[in-house]
C-alpha atoms as a PDB file:
ATOM      1  CA  UNK A   1       0.000   0.000   0.000  1.00  0.00           C
ATOM      2  CA  UNK A   2       2.974   2.319   0.375  1.00  0.00           C
ATOM      3  CA  UNK A   3       3.657   2.478  -3.345  1.00  0.00           C
ATOM      4  CA  UNK A   4       0.091   3.315  -4.298  1.00  0.00           C
ATOM      5  CA  UNK A   5      -0.583   6.256  -6.568  1.00  0.00           C
ATOM      6  CA  UNK A   6      -3.333   8.803  -5.990  1.00  0.00           C
ATOM      7  CA  UNK A   7      -5.502   6.963  -8.531  1.00  0.00           C
ATOM      8  CA  UNK A   8      -5.058   3.703  -6.584  1.00  0.00           C
ATOM      9  CA  UNK A   9      -6.146   5.412  -3.358  1.00  0.00           C
ATOM     10  CA  UNK A  10      -9.185   6.942  -5.087  1.00  0.00           C
ATOM     11  CA  UNK A  11     -10.211   3.524  -6.389  1.00  0.00           C
ATOM     12  CA  UNK A  12      -9.700   1.954  -2.962  1.00  0.00           C
ATOM     13  CA  UNK A  13     -11.783   4.605  -1.195  1.00  0.00           C
ATOM     14  CA  UNK A  14     -14.431   4.442  -3.899  1.00  0.00           C
ATOM     15  CA  UNK A  15     -14.729   0.689  -3.484  1.00  0.00           C
ATOM     16  CA  UNK A  16     -14.961   1.019   0.306  1.00  0.00           C
ATOM     17  CA  UNK A  17     -17.644   3.718   0.152  1.00  0.00           C
ATOM     18  CA  UNK A  18     -19.633   1.928  -2.545  1.00  0.00           C
ATOM     19  CA  UNK A  19     -19.409  -1.347  -0.625  1.00  0.00           C
ATOM     20  CA  UNK A  20     -20.656   0.361   2.522  1.00  0.00           C
ATOM     21  CA  UNK A  21     -23.434   2.039   0.550  1.00  0.00           C
ATOM     22  CA  UNK A  22     -24.468  -1.269  -0.987  1.00  0.00           C
ATOM     23  CA  UNK A  23     -24.632  -2.914   2.419  1.00  0.00           C
ATOM     24  CA  UNK A  24     -26.632   0.010   3.808  1.00  0.00           C
ATOM     25  CA  UNK A  25     -29.096  -0.104   0.901  1.00  0.00           C
ATOM     26  CA  UNK A  26     -29.570  -3.840   1.306  1.00  0.00           C
ATOM     27  CA  UNK A  27     -30.204  -3.544   5.053  1.00  0.00           C
ATOM     28  CA  UNK A  28     -32.558  -0.608   4.444  1.00  0.00           C
ATOM     29  CA  UNK A  29     -34.519  -2.665   1.935  1.00  0.00           C
ATOM     30  CA  UNK A  30     -34.760  -5.661   4.236  1.00  0.00           C
ATOM     31  CA  UNK A  31     -35.798  -3.716   7.349  1.00  0.00           C
ATOM     32  CA  UNK A  32     -38.249  -1.362   5.648  1.00  0.00           C
ATOM     33  CA  UNK A  33     -40.006  -4.144   3.748  1.00  0.00           C
ATOM     34  CA  UNK A  34     -40.123  -6.275   6.888  1.00  0.00           C
ATOM     35  CA  UNK A  35     -41.669  -3.485   8.983  1.00  0.00           C
ATOM     36  CA  UNK A  36     -44.083  -2.399   6.261  1.00  0.00           C
ATOM     37  CA  UNK A  37     -45.233  -5.958   5.596  1.00  0.00           C
ATOM     38  CA  UNK A  38     -46.287  -6.276   9.233  1.00  0.00           C
ATOM     39  CA  UNK A  39     -47.989  -2.861   9.508  1.00  0.00           C
ATOM     40  CA  UNK A  40     -49.422  -2.280   6.035  1.00  0.00           C
ATOM     41  CA  UNK A  41     -52.780  -3.433   4.708  1.00  0.00           C
ATOM     42  CA  UNK A  42     -51.884  -2.536   1.108  1.00  0.00           C
ATOM     43  CA  UNK A  43     -48.958  -3.863  -0.930  1.00  0.00           C
ATOM     44  CA  UNK A  44     -48.235  -0.536  -2.679  1.00  0.00           C
ATOM     45  CA  UNK A  45     -46.192   1.174   0.063  1.00  0.00           C
ATOM     46  CA  UNK A  46     -43.983  -1.895   0.219  1.00  0.00           C
ATOM     47  CA  UNK A  47     -43.597  -1.914  -3.555  1.00  0.00           C
ATOM     48  CA  UNK A  48     -42.613   1.773  -3.692  1.00  0.00           C
ATOM     49  CA  UNK A  49     -39.968   1.359  -0.996  1.00  0.00           C
ATOM     50  CA  UNK A  50     -38.644  -1.793  -2.652  1.00  0.00           C
ATOM     51  CA  UNK A  51     -38.433  -0.106  -6.060  1.00  0.00           C
ATOM     52  CA  UNK A  52     -36.612   2.869  -4.559  1.00  0.00           C
ATOM     53  CA  UNK A  53     -34.106   0.645  -2.796  1.00  0.00           C
ATOM     54  CA  UNK A  54     -33.554  -1.391  -5.941  1.00  0.00           C
ATOM     55  CA  UNK A  55     -32.718   1.841  -7.775  1.00  0.00           C
ATOM     56  CA  UNK A  56     -30.224   2.780  -5.033  1.00  0.00           C
ATOM     57  CA  UNK A  57     -28.580  -0.647  -5.208  1.00  0.00           C
ATOM     58  CA  UNK A  58     -28.402  -0.261  -9.002  1.00  0.00           C
ATOM     59  CA  UNK A  59     -26.606   3.065  -8.564  1.00  0.00           C
ATOM     60  CA  UNK A  60     -24.077   1.357  -6.278  1.00  0.00           C
ATOM     61  CA  UNK A  61     -23.462  -1.395  -8.841  1.00  0.00           C
ATOM     62  CA  UNK A  62     -23.073   1.201 -11.580  1.00  0.00           C
ATOM     63  CA  UNK A  63     -20.498   2.965  -9.397  1.00  0.00           C
ATOM     64  CA  UNK A  64     -18.571  -0.289  -8.968  1.00  0.00           C
ATOM     65  CA  UNK A  65     -18.486  -0.769 -12.726  1.00  0.00           C
ATOM     66  CA  UNK A  66     -17.272   2.810 -13.214  1.00  0.00           C
ATOM     67  CA  UNK A  67     -14.400   2.294 -10.772  1.00  0.00           C
ATOM     68  CA  UNK A  68     -13.372  -1.185 -11.820  1.00  0.00           C
ATOM     69  CA  UNK A  69     -14.320  -1.100 -15.485  1.00  0.00           C
ATOM     70  CA  UNK A  70     -12.323  -0.177 -18.533  1.00  0.00           C
ATOM     71  CA  UNK A  71     -12.473   3.468 -19.502  1.00  0.00           C
ATOM     72  CA  UNK A  72     -13.075   4.445 -23.101  1.00  0.00           C
ATOM     73  CA  UNK A  73     -13.492   7.961 -24.474  1.00  0.00           C
ATOM     74  CA  UNK A  74     -14.591   8.468 -28.059  1.00  0.00           C
ATOM     75  CA  UNK A  75     -15.429  11.861 -29.469  1.00  0.00           C
ATOM     76  CA  UNK A  76     -16.638  12.471 -33.006  1.00  0.00           C
ATOM     77  CA  UNK A  77     -16.993  15.886 -34.552  1.00  0.00           C
ATOM     78  CA  UNK A  78     -17.829  15.735 -38.225  1.00  0.00           C
ATOM     79  CA  UNK A  79     -15.192  13.659 -39.977  1.00  0.00           C
ATOM     80  CA  UNK A  80     -12.693  13.857 -37.077  1.00  0.00           C
ATOM     81  CA  UNK A  81     -12.555  11.278 -34.326  1.00  0.00           C
ATOM     82  CA  UNK A  82     -10.582  11.158 -31.089  1.00  0.00           C
ATOM     83  CA  UNK A  83     -10.258   7.777 -29.404  1.00  0.00           C
ATOM     84  CA  UNK A  84      -8.563   7.091 -26.043  1.00  0.00           C
ATOM     85  CA  UNK A  85      -8.769   3.835 -24.126  1.00  0.00           C
ATOM     86  CA  UNK A  86      -7.232   2.522 -20.954  1.00  0.00           C
ATOM     87  CA  UNK A  87      -6.361   3.790 -17.510  1.00  0.00           C
ATOM     88  CA  UNK A  88      -4.837   7.101 -18.603  1.00  0.00           C
ATOM     89  CA  UNK A  89      -7.641   7.998 -21.000  1.00  0.00           C
ATOM     90  CA  UNK A  90      -8.741  11.075 -19.037  1.00  0.00           C
ATOM     91  CA  UNK A  91      -5.166  12.410 -18.879  1.00  0.00           C
ATOM     92  CA  UNK A  92      -4.593  11.797 -22.589  1.00  0.00           C
ATOM     93  CA  UNK A  93      -7.894  13.462 -23.434  1.00  0.00           C
ATOM     94  CA  UNK A  94      -7.018  16.571 -21.406  1.00  0.00           C
ATOM     95  CA  UNK A  95      -3.587  16.797 -23.048  1.00  0.00           C
ATOM     96  CA  UNK A  96      -5.085  16.410 -26.516  1.00  0.00           C
ATOM     97  CA  UNK A  97      -7.700  19.106 -25.966  1.00  0.00           C
ATOM     98  CA  UNK A  98      -5.159  21.701 -24.770  1.00  0.00           C
END
């Protein structure tokens, strides 16, 4: 961990925060549906809470894919195209646009 770059630390913290958020969303879903199932006479409040929590869990999974996934930037303007792939794509894109 001593030789980590700033990008490595950002990925590590992002994974920790997203993992914690995913756990929190899952517990929130479980507890809220459990409580509402006991107290509710209609299924709709339970469904709305469940759908909301599923959306939050989807956002967490999308965040994981953004951190761990491959980065690709493609820009087309008319007949010109700029294509950068890989870990340093954002840096290369900034250098190219300057």
